[in-house]
């Protein structure tokens, strides 16, 4: 099939969500392809993932610029020159400025390791454990100026276990991120959603889960 949606992926580190998107795009039925990977870190392991997948990649280091606007402009120029339709933040550890966010409005998505609007910012798993919640998870959302804010596309819930540490909880949430991000991108690529009053409405939605997700469960 024709892969119509051209993705640009921004990374800073390991790139495991990038790999999840690479794997999805390798499926002949998946309606998107990754055209460009940009990292702000020269040693990001995700760059090797892009190289192995024969995806064009580049490093645009934030340390080479005197201010955030110039850094953002260089990233945006690279994305525009590559003909990118949708920008995917995948562990990109820089806050993008309002000019960039506004330019790419509704064409810029992020995955965050919590059930937004709970636990914004960093150290989300520590926040969840300190709050004593029974369920956490991950969220894919359109990006707006406010940090970790914007119309929610998809979420996956993960139970918090009695003996969880930040590391064990992060591992299980990350597994769901790898499923959720490609799903959310596919919804966009297939024109299955629209934003109405800053809320995502999904067409042809099919779900087998009508009941509440309850945690903990008893024997």
N, C-alpha and C. Protein backbone atom coordinates (compact mmCIF):
# COMPACT_ATOMS: atom_id res chain seq x y z
N UNK A 1 0.84 -1.18 0.00
CA UNK A 1 0.00 0.00 0.00
C UNK A 1 0.88 1.25 0.00
N UNK A 2 0.32 2.37 -0.40
CA UNK A 2 1.05 3.63 -0.38
C UNK A 2 1.12 4.16 1.04
N UNK A 3 2.34 4.48 1.47
CA UNK A 3 2.53 5.03 2.81
C UNK A 3 2.52 6.55 2.70
N UNK A 4 1.39 7.14 2.99
CA UNK A 4 1.19 8.56 2.70
C UNK A 4 1.77 9.49 3.75
N UNK A 5 1.75 9.11 5.01
CA UNK A 5 2.15 10.01 6.08
C UNK A 5 3.65 9.91 6.33
N UNK A 6 4.35 11.02 6.16
CA UNK A 6 5.80 11.06 6.36
C UNK A 6 6.10 11.57 7.76
N UNK A 7 6.79 10.74 8.53
CA UNK A 7 7.07 11.05 9.93
C UNK A 7 8.48 11.59 10.10
N UNK A 8 8.60 12.58 10.97
CA UNK A 8 9.90 13.03 11.47
C UNK A 8 9.93 12.73 12.95
N UNK A 9 10.96 12.02 13.42
CA UNK A 9 11.03 11.59 14.82
C UNK A 9 12.19 12.31 15.51
N UNK A 10 11.89 12.95 16.63
CA UNK A 10 12.90 13.66 17.41
C UNK A 10 13.25 12.83 18.64
N UNK A 11 14.55 12.60 18.85
CA UNK A 11 15.01 11.76 19.95
C UNK A 11 16.17 12.43 20.69
N UNK A 12 16.46 11.90 21.87
CA UNK A 12 17.63 12.35 22.62
C UNK A 12 18.47 11.20 23.15
N UNK A 13 17.91 9.99 23.18
CA UNK A 13 18.61 8.92 23.87
C UNK A 13 18.45 7.55 23.23
N UNK A 14 17.95 6.61 24.02
CA UNK A 14 17.90 5.20 23.65
C UNK A 14 17.12 4.95 22.37
N UNK A 15 16.00 5.61 22.22
CA UNK A 15 15.21 5.47 21.00
C UNK A 15 14.37 4.21 20.93
N UNK A 16 13.90 3.71 22.08
CA UNK A 16 13.09 2.49 22.03
C UNK A 16 11.72 2.76 21.41
N UNK A 17 11.15 3.92 21.63
CA UNK A 17 9.90 4.24 20.96
C UNK A 17 10.12 4.50 19.47
N UNK A 18 11.26 5.04 19.12
CA UNK A 18 11.63 5.13 17.70
C UNK A 18 11.64 3.74 17.09
N UNK A 19 12.23 2.77 17.78
CA UNK A 19 12.29 1.41 17.26
C UNK A 19 10.89 0.82 17.10
N UNK A 20 10.01 1.12 18.03
CA UNK A 20 8.62 0.65 17.91
C UNK A 20 7.98 1.20 16.65
N UNK A 21 8.25 2.47 16.34
CA UNK A 21 7.70 3.06 15.12
C UNK A 21 8.36 2.48 13.88
N UNK A 22 9.66 2.23 13.95
CA UNK A 22 10.37 1.59 12.82
C UNK A 22 9.74 0.23 12.54
N UNK A 23 9.52 -0.54 13.59
CA UNK A 23 8.95 -1.88 13.42
C UNK A 23 7.56 -1.79 12.80
N UNK A 24 6.77 -0.83 13.25
CA UNK A 24 5.42 -0.68 12.70
C UNK A 24 5.48 -0.29 11.23
N UNK A 25 6.36 0.64 10.90
CA UNK A 25 6.46 1.11 9.52
C UNK A 25 6.98 0.03 8.58
N UNK A 26 7.66 -0.97 9.12
CA UNK A 26 8.14 -2.09 8.29
C UNK A 26 7.01 -3.02 7.87
N UNK A 27 5.86 -2.86 8.50
CA UNK A 27 4.68 -3.64 8.10
C UNK A 27 4.10 -3.03 6.83
N UNK A 28 3.91 -3.84 5.82
CA UNK A 28 3.45 -3.33 4.52
C UNK A 28 2.07 -2.68 4.62
N UNK A 29 1.28 -3.03 5.63
CA UNK A 29 -0.06 -2.47 5.77
C UNK A 29 -0.10 -1.20 6.62
N UNK A 30 1.05 -0.79 7.14
CA UNK A 30 1.08 0.39 7.99
C UNK A 30 1.15 1.64 7.13
N UNK A 31 0.29 2.64 7.38
CA UNK A 31 0.12 3.75 6.43
C UNK A 31 1.07 4.93 6.64
N UNK A 32 2.23 4.71 7.22
CA UNK A 32 3.17 5.80 7.45
C UNK A 32 4.59 5.30 7.28
N UNK A 33 5.52 6.22 7.08
CA UNK A 33 6.94 5.86 7.03
C UNK A 33 7.73 6.96 7.70
N UNK A 34 8.88 6.58 8.25
CA UNK A 34 9.76 7.55 8.90
C UNK A 34 10.73 8.07 7.85
N UNK A 35 10.68 9.37 7.60
CA UNK A 35 11.53 9.99 6.59
C UNK A 35 12.77 10.64 7.18
N UNK A 36 12.73 10.98 8.47
CA UNK A 36 13.86 11.68 9.08
C UNK A 36 13.85 11.47 10.59
N UNK A 37 15.04 11.24 11.13
CA UNK A 37 15.24 11.18 12.58
C UNK A 37 16.23 12.29 12.95
N UNK A 38 15.88 13.08 13.94
CA UNK A 38 16.76 14.15 14.41
C UNK A 38 17.03 13.94 15.89
N UNK A 39 18.30 14.03 16.27
CA UNK A 39 18.68 13.98 17.68
C UNK A 39 19.41 15.26 18.05
N UNK A 40 19.22 15.69 19.29
CA UNK A 40 19.99 16.81 19.80
C UNK A 40 21.26 16.35 20.51
N UNK A 41 21.46 15.02 20.56
CA UNK A 41 22.63 14.44 21.21
C UNK A 41 23.41 13.58 20.22
N UNK A 42 24.72 13.84 20.13
CA UNK A 42 25.56 13.08 19.19
C UNK A 42 25.64 11.60 19.54
N UNK A 43 25.54 11.28 20.83
CA UNK A 43 25.73 9.90 21.26
C UNK A 43 24.41 9.17 21.51
N UNK A 44 23.31 9.71 21.01
CA UNK A 44 22.02 9.04 21.21
C UNK A 44 22.02 7.67 20.54
N UNK A 45 21.68 6.66 21.29
CA UNK A 45 21.67 5.29 20.74
C UNK A 45 20.62 5.13 19.66
N UNK A 46 19.60 5.96 19.70
CA UNK A 46 18.56 5.88 18.68
C UNK A 46 19.08 6.17 17.28
N UNK A 47 20.18 6.91 17.16
CA UNK A 47 20.75 7.18 15.85
C UNK A 47 21.22 5.89 15.17
N UNK A 48 21.74 4.98 15.96
CA UNK A 48 22.15 3.69 15.41
C UNK A 48 20.94 2.89 14.93
N UNK A 49 19.83 3.02 15.62
CA UNK A 49 18.61 2.36 15.18
C UNK A 49 18.17 2.89 13.81
N UNK A 50 18.26 4.21 13.64
CA UNK A 50 17.91 4.82 12.36
C UNK A 50 18.87 4.35 11.27
N UNK A 51 20.16 4.31 11.58
CA UNK A 51 21.15 3.90 10.59
C UNK A 51 20.89 2.47 10.13
N UNK A 52 20.62 1.58 11.07
CA UNK A 52 20.37 0.17 10.72
C UNK A 52 19.11 0.02 9.88
N UNK A 53 18.16 0.93 10.05
CA UNK A 53 16.90 0.87 9.29
C UNK A 53 16.98 1.66 7.98
N UNK A 54 18.17 2.18 7.69
CA UNK A 54 18.38 2.98 6.46
C UNK A 54 17.46 4.20 6.40
N UNK A 55 17.29 4.83 7.55
CA UNK A 55 16.50 6.05 7.65
C UNK A 55 17.45 7.24 7.76
N UNK A 56 17.16 8.28 7.02
CA UNK A 56 17.98 9.49 7.10
C UNK A 56 17.95 10.04 8.52
N UNK A 57 19.12 10.43 9.02
CA UNK A 57 19.17 10.99 10.36
C UNK A 57 20.20 12.11 10.41
N UNK A 58 20.05 12.96 11.41
CA UNK A 58 20.99 14.06 11.60
C UNK A 58 21.01 14.46 13.06
N UNK A 59 22.09 15.13 13.44
CA UNK A 59 22.23 15.67 14.79
C UNK A 59 22.18 17.19 14.70
N UNK A 60 21.26 17.77 15.45
CA UNK A 60 21.19 19.22 15.60
C UNK A 60 21.32 19.49 17.10
N UNK A 61 22.53 19.79 17.52
CA UNK A 61 22.80 19.93 18.95
C UNK A 61 22.36 21.29 19.46
N UNK A 62 21.63 21.27 20.57
CA UNK A 62 21.18 22.53 21.17
C UNK A 62 22.34 23.36 21.68
N UNK A 63 23.49 22.72 21.91
CA UNK A 63 24.65 23.44 22.43
C UNK A 63 25.30 24.33 21.38
N UNK A 64 24.90 24.16 20.13
CA UNK A 64 25.49 24.96 19.06
C UNK A 64 24.77 26.29 18.84
N UNK A 65 23.73 26.54 19.65
CA UNK A 65 22.92 27.73 19.43
C UNK A 65 22.87 28.58 20.70
N UNK A 66 22.77 29.87 20.49
CA UNK A 66 22.76 30.81 21.62
C UNK A 66 21.40 30.88 22.30
N UNK A 67 20.35 30.50 21.58
CA UNK A 67 19.03 30.56 22.18
C UNK A 67 18.15 29.46 21.60
N UNK A 68 17.04 29.24 22.28
CA UNK A 68 16.14 28.14 21.90
C UNK A 68 15.48 28.39 20.56
N UNK A 69 15.16 29.64 20.26
CA UNK A 69 14.49 29.94 18.99
C UNK A 69 15.32 29.51 17.79
N UNK A 70 16.62 29.79 17.83
CA UNK A 70 17.48 29.40 16.72
C UNK A 70 17.59 27.88 16.60
N UNK A 71 17.66 27.22 17.74
CA UNK A 71 17.67 25.75 17.75
C UNK A 71 16.39 25.21 17.14
N UNK A 72 15.27 25.74 17.57
CA UNK A 72 13.97 25.29 17.05
C UNK A 72 13.86 25.54 15.54
N UNK A 73 14.33 26.71 15.10
CA UNK A 73 14.24 27.06 13.68
C UNK A 73 15.03 26.07 12.83
N UNK A 74 16.19 25.65 13.30
CA UNK A 74 16.99 24.69 12.54
C UNK A 74 16.32 23.33 12.45
N UNK A 75 15.70 22.92 13.53
CA UNK A 75 14.96 21.65 13.49
C UNK A 75 13.78 21.77 12.54
N UNK A 76 13.04 22.85 12.64
CA UNK A 76 11.87 23.03 11.79
C UNK A 76 12.25 23.08 10.32
N UNK A 77 13.34 23.77 10.00
CA UNK A 77 13.80 23.84 8.61
C UNK A 77 14.13 22.47 8.07
N UNK A 78 14.81 21.65 8.87
CA UNK A 78 15.15 20.29 8.45
C UNK A 78 13.90 19.46 8.21
N UNK A 79 12.92 19.60 9.07
CA UNK A 79 11.67 18.85 8.91
C UNK A 79 10.91 19.28 7.66
N UNK A 80 10.85 20.58 7.44
CA UNK A 80 10.15 21.10 6.27
C UNK A 80 10.84 20.67 4.98
N UNK A 81 12.17 20.71 4.96
CA UNK A 81 12.92 20.31 3.77
C UNK A 81 12.72 18.83 3.46
N UNK A 82 12.46 18.04 4.51
CA UNK A 82 12.23 16.60 4.32
C UNK A 82 10.78 16.29 3.98
N UNK A 83 9.93 17.32 3.93
CA UNK A 83 8.52 17.11 3.59
C UNK A 83 7.75 16.37 4.65
N UNK A 84 8.10 16.60 5.92
CA UNK A 84 7.48 15.87 7.02
C UNK A 84 6.02 16.32 7.21
N UNK A 85 5.15 15.33 7.42
CA UNK A 85 3.73 15.60 7.68
C UNK A 85 3.41 15.62 9.17
N UNK A 86 4.10 14.77 9.93
CA UNK A 86 3.81 14.64 11.36
C UNK A 86 5.12 14.49 12.11
N UNK A 87 5.29 15.30 13.16
CA UNK A 87 6.49 15.24 14.00
C UNK A 87 6.18 14.44 15.25
N UNK A 88 7.01 13.45 15.53
CA UNK A 88 6.79 12.56 16.67
C UNK A 88 7.94 12.75 17.68
N UNK A 89 7.61 13.19 18.87
CA UNK A 89 8.60 13.29 19.93
C UNK A 89 8.71 11.93 20.61
N UNK A 90 9.94 11.41 20.64
CA UNK A 90 10.15 10.07 21.20
C UNK A 90 11.35 10.13 22.14
N UNK A 91 11.08 10.59 23.35
CA UNK A 91 12.17 10.76 24.30
C UNK A 91 13.05 11.94 23.95
N UNK A 92 12.47 12.98 23.41
CA UNK A 92 13.20 14.20 23.05
C UNK A 92 13.23 15.10 24.28
N UNK A 93 14.42 15.28 24.85
CA UNK A 93 14.54 15.91 26.16
C UNK A 93 14.84 17.41 26.07
N UNK A 94 14.18 18.08 25.17
CA UNK A 94 14.24 19.53 25.07
C UNK A 94 12.82 20.08 24.97
N UNK A 95 12.57 21.19 25.64
CA UNK A 95 11.27 21.84 25.54
C UNK A 95 11.27 22.72 24.30
N UNK A 96 10.33 22.47 23.41
CA UNK A 96 10.21 23.25 22.18
C UNK A 96 9.44 24.53 22.43
N UNK A 97 9.88 25.61 21.80
CA UNK A 97 9.29 26.91 22.03
C UNK A 97 7.93 27.06 21.37
N UNK A 98 7.25 28.14 21.75
CA UNK A 98 5.89 28.37 21.28
C UNK A 98 5.82 28.56 19.77
N UNK A 99 6.83 29.18 19.18
CA UNK A 99 6.82 29.38 17.72
C UNK A 99 6.83 28.04 17.00
N UNK A 100 7.68 27.13 17.45
CA UNK A 100 7.75 25.79 16.85
C UNK A 100 6.42 25.06 17.05
N UNK A 101 5.92 25.07 18.27
CA UNK A 101 4.69 24.34 18.59
C UNK A 101 3.52 24.88 17.78
N UNK A 102 3.44 26.20 17.65
CA UNK A 102 2.34 26.79 16.88
C UNK A 102 2.47 26.46 15.39
N UNK A 103 3.69 26.48 14.87
CA UNK A 103 3.91 26.17 13.45
C UNK A 103 3.45 24.75 13.13
N UNK A 104 3.69 23.82 14.04
CA UNK A 104 3.38 22.41 13.81
C UNK A 104 2.10 21.99 14.55
N UNK A 105 1.24 22.93 14.86
CA UNK A 105 0.03 22.60 15.60
C UNK A 105 -0.78 21.53 14.88
N UNK A 106 -1.20 20.53 15.65
CA UNK A 106 -1.96 19.37 15.16
C UNK A 106 -1.13 18.49 14.23
N UNK A 107 0.17 18.78 14.14
CA UNK A 107 1.10 17.94 13.37
C UNK A 107 2.31 17.57 14.23
N UNK A 108 2.11 17.65 15.54
CA UNK A 108 3.18 17.41 16.51
C UNK A 108 2.60 16.60 17.66
N UNK A 109 3.16 15.39 17.88
CA UNK A 109 2.64 14.50 18.91
C UNK A 109 3.76 14.07 19.85
N UNK A 110 3.35 13.66 21.04
CA UNK A 110 4.30 13.24 22.06
C UNK A 110 3.73 12.04 22.79
N UNK A 111 4.64 11.21 23.33
CA UNK A 111 4.21 10.14 24.22
C UNK A 111 4.79 10.41 25.60
N UNK A 112 3.92 10.34 26.59
CA UNK A 112 4.30 10.69 27.96
C UNK A 112 4.00 9.51 28.89
N UNK A 113 4.91 9.18 29.81
CA UNK A 113 4.75 7.99 30.66
C UNK A 113 3.88 8.20 31.89
N UNK A 114 2.68 8.69 31.66
CA UNK A 114 1.67 8.73 32.72
C UNK A 114 0.31 8.86 32.05
N UNK A 115 -0.73 8.73 32.85
CA UNK A 115 -2.08 8.96 32.35
C UNK A 115 -2.38 10.45 32.54
N UNK A 116 -2.03 11.24 31.55
CA UNK A 116 -2.29 12.67 31.63
C UNK A 116 -3.79 12.92 31.82
N UNK A 117 -4.15 13.95 32.56
CA UNK A 117 -3.30 15.06 33.01
C UNK A 117 -2.56 14.83 34.32
N UNK A 118 -2.54 13.60 34.84
CA UNK A 118 -1.80 13.32 36.06
C UNK A 118 -0.30 13.19 35.77
N UNK A 119 0.51 13.63 36.70
CA UNK A 119 1.95 13.40 36.71
C UNK A 119 2.65 13.93 35.47
N UNK A 120 2.56 15.24 35.27
CA UNK A 120 3.27 15.88 34.19
C UNK A 120 4.75 16.05 34.54
N UNK A 121 5.55 16.37 33.53
CA UNK A 121 6.96 16.64 33.77
C UNK A 121 7.79 15.39 33.90
N UNK A 122 8.88 15.49 34.64
CA UNK A 122 9.84 14.40 34.80
C UNK A 122 9.48 13.53 36.00
N UNK A 123 10.19 12.38 36.11
CA UNK A 123 10.06 11.48 37.26
C UNK A 123 8.61 11.04 37.48
N UNK A 124 7.95 10.70 36.40
CA UNK A 124 6.52 10.36 36.49
C UNK A 124 6.27 9.12 37.34
N UNK A 125 7.15 8.14 37.26
CA UNK A 125 6.92 6.90 38.01
C UNK A 125 7.13 7.13 39.51
N UNK A 126 8.10 7.96 39.84
CA UNK A 126 8.27 8.35 41.24
C UNK A 126 7.06 9.11 41.74
N UNK A 127 6.52 9.99 40.91
CA UNK A 127 5.32 10.73 41.28
C UNK A 127 4.16 9.78 41.55
N UNK A 128 4.00 8.78 40.67
CA UNK A 128 2.90 7.84 40.81
C UNK A 128 3.03 7.01 42.09
N UNK A 129 4.25 6.56 42.39
CA UNK A 129 4.46 5.76 43.59
C UNK A 129 4.25 6.60 44.85
N UNK A 130 4.70 7.83 44.83
CA UNK A 130 4.51 8.70 46.01
C UNK A 130 3.04 9.03 46.22
N UNK A 131 2.29 9.12 45.12
CA UNK A 131 0.86 9.44 45.23
C UNK A 131 0.04 8.24 45.68
N UNK A 132 0.60 7.05 45.56
CA UNK A 132 -0.12 5.84 45.98
C UNK A 132 -1.23 5.41 45.04
N UNK A 133 -1.14 5.80 43.76
CA UNK A 133 -2.18 5.40 42.82
C UNK A 133 -2.12 3.91 42.55
N UNK A 134 -3.23 3.34 42.16
CA UNK A 134 -3.29 1.91 41.84
C UNK A 134 -3.09 1.66 40.35
N UNK A 135 -3.32 2.68 39.54
CA UNK A 135 -3.19 2.55 38.08
C UNK A 135 -2.45 3.76 37.54
N UNK A 136 -1.49 3.51 36.68
CA UNK A 136 -0.82 4.58 35.94
C UNK A 136 -0.82 4.16 34.47
N UNK A 137 0.11 4.66 33.68
CA UNK A 137 0.12 4.25 32.27
C UNK A 137 0.87 5.23 31.40
N UNK A 138 0.41 5.38 30.17
CA UNK A 138 1.07 6.27 29.22
C UNK A 138 0.02 6.91 28.32
N UNK A 139 0.40 8.03 27.72
CA UNK A 139 -0.51 8.85 26.93
C UNK A 139 0.17 9.35 25.67
N UNK A 140 -0.52 9.26 24.54
CA UNK A 140 -0.09 9.94 23.32
C UNK A 140 -1.01 11.12 23.11
N UNK A 141 -0.42 12.29 22.89
CA UNK A 141 -1.24 13.50 22.77
C UNK A 141 -0.64 14.46 21.76
N UNK A 142 -1.49 15.31 21.22
CA UNK A 142 -1.01 16.43 20.42
C UNK A 142 -0.35 17.44 21.35
N UNK A 143 0.69 18.09 20.86
CA UNK A 143 1.46 19.00 21.70
C UNK A 143 0.90 20.42 21.60
N UNK A 144 0.82 21.06 22.75
CA UNK A 144 0.47 22.46 22.85
C UNK A 144 1.57 23.20 23.62
N UNK A 145 1.42 24.50 23.77
CA UNK A 145 2.47 25.30 24.41
C UNK A 145 2.74 24.86 25.83
N UNK A 146 1.70 24.54 26.58
CA UNK A 146 1.89 24.12 27.96
C UNK A 146 2.49 22.72 28.00
N UNK A 147 3.45 22.52 28.90
CA UNK A 147 4.15 21.25 29.00
C UNK A 147 3.20 20.09 29.29
N UNK A 148 3.36 19.02 28.51
CA UNK A 148 2.58 17.79 28.68
C UNK A 148 1.09 18.07 28.68
N UNK A 149 0.70 18.90 27.74
CA UNK A 149 -0.70 19.27 27.60
C UNK A 149 -1.09 19.14 26.13
N UNK A 150 -2.38 19.03 25.87
CA UNK A 150 -2.85 18.94 24.50
C UNK A 150 -3.85 17.81 24.35
N UNK A 151 -4.62 17.81 23.27
CA UNK A 151 -5.66 16.80 23.07
C UNK A 151 -5.09 15.38 23.12
N UNK A 152 -5.73 14.55 23.92
CA UNK A 152 -5.27 13.17 24.13
C UNK A 152 -5.78 12.28 23.00
N UNK A 153 -4.86 11.53 22.40
CA UNK A 153 -5.19 10.63 21.30
C UNK A 153 -5.48 9.23 21.82
N UNK A 154 -4.61 8.73 22.69
CA UNK A 154 -4.74 7.35 23.17
C UNK A 154 -4.02 7.21 24.50
N UNK A 155 -4.51 6.29 25.31
CA UNK A 155 -3.88 5.99 26.59
C UNK A 155 -3.88 4.49 26.84
N UNK A 156 -2.89 4.02 27.59
CA UNK A 156 -2.84 2.63 28.04
C UNK A 156 -2.64 2.62 29.54
N UNK A 157 -3.45 1.85 30.24
CA UNK A 157 -3.40 1.78 31.70
C UNK A 157 -2.54 0.61 32.15
N UNK A 158 -1.74 0.86 33.19
CA UNK A 158 -0.84 -0.15 33.75
C UNK A 158 -1.05 -0.19 35.26
N UNK A 159 -1.32 -1.36 35.83
CA UNK A 159 -1.50 -1.42 37.29
C UNK A 159 -0.19 -1.18 38.03
N UNK A 160 -0.29 -0.53 39.16
CA UNK A 160 0.87 -0.36 40.05
C UNK A 160 0.85 -1.51 41.05
N UNK A 161 1.90 -2.30 41.05
CA UNK A 161 1.95 -3.48 41.91
C UNK A 161 2.51 -3.13 43.29
N UNK A 162 2.22 -3.99 44.25
CA UNK A 162 2.55 -3.72 45.64
C UNK A 162 4.05 -3.47 45.84
N UNK A 163 4.87 -4.24 45.16
CA UNK A 163 6.31 -4.15 45.38
C UNK A 163 7.03 -3.38 44.27
N UNK A 164 6.30 -2.60 43.52
CA UNK A 164 6.91 -1.87 42.41
C UNK A 164 7.97 -0.88 42.88
N UNK A 165 9.02 -0.80 42.10
CA UNK A 165 10.00 0.28 42.20
C UNK A 165 9.81 1.17 40.98
N UNK A 166 10.51 2.30 40.96
CA UNK A 166 10.44 3.15 39.78
C UNK A 166 10.87 2.38 38.54
N UNK A 167 11.91 1.56 38.69
CA UNK A 167 12.46 0.82 37.55
C UNK A 167 11.48 -0.24 37.05
N UNK A 168 10.89 -1.01 37.95
CA UNK A 168 9.97 -2.07 37.51
C UNK A 168 8.71 -1.49 36.89
N UNK A 169 8.22 -0.40 37.47
CA UNK A 169 7.03 0.24 36.92
C UNK A 169 7.34 0.85 35.56
N UNK A 170 8.48 1.51 35.45
CA UNK A 170 8.88 2.13 34.18
C UNK A 170 8.98 1.09 33.07
N UNK A 171 9.49 -0.09 33.40
CA UNK A 171 9.64 -1.14 32.39
C UNK A 171 8.29 -1.58 31.84
N UNK A 172 7.30 -1.76 32.71
CA UNK A 172 5.99 -2.20 32.25
C UNK A 172 5.26 -1.10 31.49
N UNK A 173 5.42 0.13 31.93
CA UNK A 173 4.80 1.24 31.20
C UNK A 173 5.43 1.36 29.82
N UNK A 174 6.75 1.22 29.74
CA UNK A 174 7.44 1.35 28.45
C UNK A 174 6.96 0.30 27.46
N UNK A 175 6.69 -0.91 27.94
CA UNK A 175 6.16 -1.96 27.06
C UNK A 175 4.86 -1.51 26.42
N UNK A 176 4.02 -0.82 27.19
CA UNK A 176 2.76 -0.34 26.64
C UNK A 176 2.96 0.86 25.71
N UNK A 177 3.96 1.68 25.99
CA UNK A 177 4.29 2.79 25.09
C UNK A 177 4.59 2.26 23.69
N UNK A 178 5.33 1.15 23.64
CA UNK A 178 5.73 0.59 22.34
C UNK A 178 4.53 0.09 21.54
N UNK A 179 3.45 -0.27 22.21
CA UNK A 179 2.22 -0.65 21.51
C UNK A 179 1.38 0.58 21.16
N UNK A 180 1.35 1.52 22.10
CA UNK A 180 0.41 2.64 21.97
C UNK A 180 0.83 3.65 20.91
N UNK A 181 2.13 3.97 20.84
CA UNK A 181 2.56 5.02 19.92
C UNK A 181 2.25 4.66 18.46
N UNK A 182 2.62 3.47 17.98
CA UNK A 182 2.27 3.12 16.60
C UNK A 182 0.76 3.14 16.35
N UNK A 183 -0.02 2.73 17.35
CA UNK A 183 -1.48 2.75 17.20
C UNK A 183 -1.99 4.17 17.00
N UNK A 184 -1.50 5.10 17.82
CA UNK A 184 -1.94 6.48 17.71
C UNK A 184 -1.56 7.09 16.36
N UNK A 185 -0.34 6.80 15.91
CA UNK A 185 0.10 7.32 14.61
C UNK A 185 -0.75 6.75 13.49
N UNK A 186 -1.12 5.49 13.61
CA UNK A 186 -1.95 4.86 12.58
C UNK A 186 -3.32 5.52 12.51
N UNK A 187 -3.89 5.87 13.66
CA UNK A 187 -5.18 6.57 13.67
C UNK A 187 -5.08 7.89 12.90
N UNK A 188 -3.97 8.60 13.10
CA UNK A 188 -3.77 9.86 12.38
C UNK A 188 -3.60 9.61 10.90
N UNK A 189 -2.77 8.63 10.56
CA UNK A 189 -2.47 8.34 9.16
C UNK A 189 -3.70 7.91 8.38
N UNK A 190 -4.61 7.23 9.05
CA UNK A 190 -5.83 6.74 8.39
C UNK A 190 -6.99 7.74 8.49
N UNK A 191 -6.68 8.95 8.98
CA UNK A 191 -7.70 10.01 9.10
C UNK A 191 -8.89 9.56 9.94
N UNK A 192 -8.58 8.88 11.02
CA UNK A 192 -9.63 8.35 11.89
C UNK A 192 -10.00 9.30 13.03
N UNK A 193 -9.35 10.45 13.11
CA UNK A 193 -9.66 11.33 14.22
C UNK A 193 -9.74 12.78 13.78
N UNK A 194 -10.41 13.55 14.59
CA UNK A 194 -10.45 15.01 14.42
C UNK A 194 -10.46 15.64 15.80
N UNK A 195 -10.04 16.90 15.87
CA UNK A 195 -10.00 17.62 17.13
C UNK A 195 -11.19 18.58 17.17
N UNK A 196 -12.05 18.39 18.17
CA UNK A 196 -13.24 19.22 18.34
C UNK A 196 -13.21 19.80 19.74
N UNK A 197 -13.14 21.14 19.83
CA UNK A 197 -13.08 21.81 21.14
C UNK A 197 -11.94 21.26 21.99
N UNK A 198 -10.81 21.05 21.33
CA UNK A 198 -9.57 20.59 21.98
C UNK A 198 -9.70 19.18 22.55
N UNK A 199 -10.62 18.41 22.03
CA UNK A 199 -10.77 17.00 22.41
C UNK A 199 -10.73 16.16 21.14
N UNK A 200 -9.98 15.06 21.18
CA UNK A 200 -9.88 14.17 20.03
C UNK A 200 -11.13 13.30 19.93
N UNK A 201 -11.74 13.30 18.76
CA UNK A 201 -12.87 12.43 18.46
C UNK A 201 -12.42 11.41 17.43
N UNK A 202 -12.61 10.14 17.73
CA UNK A 202 -12.14 9.05 16.87
C UNK A 202 -13.34 8.40 16.19
N UNK A 203 -13.25 8.27 14.87
CA UNK A 203 -14.32 7.63 14.10
C UNK A 203 -14.07 6.14 13.99
N UNK A 204 -15.14 5.39 13.73
CA UNK A 204 -15.06 3.93 13.56
C UNK A 204 -14.39 3.26 14.75
N UNK A 205 -14.67 3.79 15.94
CA UNK A 205 -14.02 3.26 17.14
C UNK A 205 -14.69 1.95 17.54
N UNK A 206 -13.88 0.92 17.69
CA UNK A 206 -14.37 -0.39 18.11
C UNK A 206 -13.65 -0.77 19.39
N UNK A 207 -14.40 -1.16 20.41
CA UNK A 207 -13.78 -1.59 21.66
C UNK A 207 -14.55 -2.78 22.22
N UNK A 208 -13.79 -3.71 22.78
CA UNK A 208 -14.41 -4.85 23.44
C UNK A 208 -14.48 -4.63 24.95
N UNK A 209 -13.90 -3.52 25.41
CA UNK A 209 -13.86 -3.24 26.84
C UNK A 209 -14.89 -2.19 27.20
N UNK A 210 -16.04 -2.65 27.67
CA UNK A 210 -17.11 -1.74 28.03
C UNK A 210 -17.14 -1.47 29.53
N UNK A 211 -16.56 -2.36 30.31
CA UNK A 211 -16.59 -2.23 31.75
C UNK A 211 -15.41 -1.42 32.23
N UNK A 212 -15.44 -1.06 33.49
CA UNK A 212 -14.34 -0.31 34.10
C UNK A 212 -13.11 -1.20 34.26
N UNK A 213 -11.95 -0.60 34.16
CA UNK A 213 -10.71 -1.28 34.50
C UNK A 213 -10.48 -1.08 35.99
N UNK A 214 -10.49 -2.17 36.76
CA UNK A 214 -10.42 -2.07 38.20
C UNK A 214 -9.10 -2.62 38.71
N UNK A 215 -8.47 -1.92 39.63
CA UNK A 215 -7.25 -2.39 40.26
C UNK A 215 -7.23 -1.90 41.70
N UNK A 216 -6.89 -2.76 42.67
CA UNK A 216 -6.49 -4.15 42.48
C UNK A 216 -7.69 -5.08 42.33
N UNK A 217 -7.43 -6.28 41.87
CA UNK A 217 -8.46 -7.31 41.78
C UNK A 217 -8.22 -8.34 42.88
N UNK A 218 -9.30 -8.95 43.35
CA UNK A 218 -9.21 -9.94 44.41
C UNK A 218 -9.36 -11.33 43.84
N UNK A 219 -8.77 -12.30 44.54
CA UNK A 219 -8.88 -13.68 44.11
C UNK A 219 -10.30 -14.19 44.35
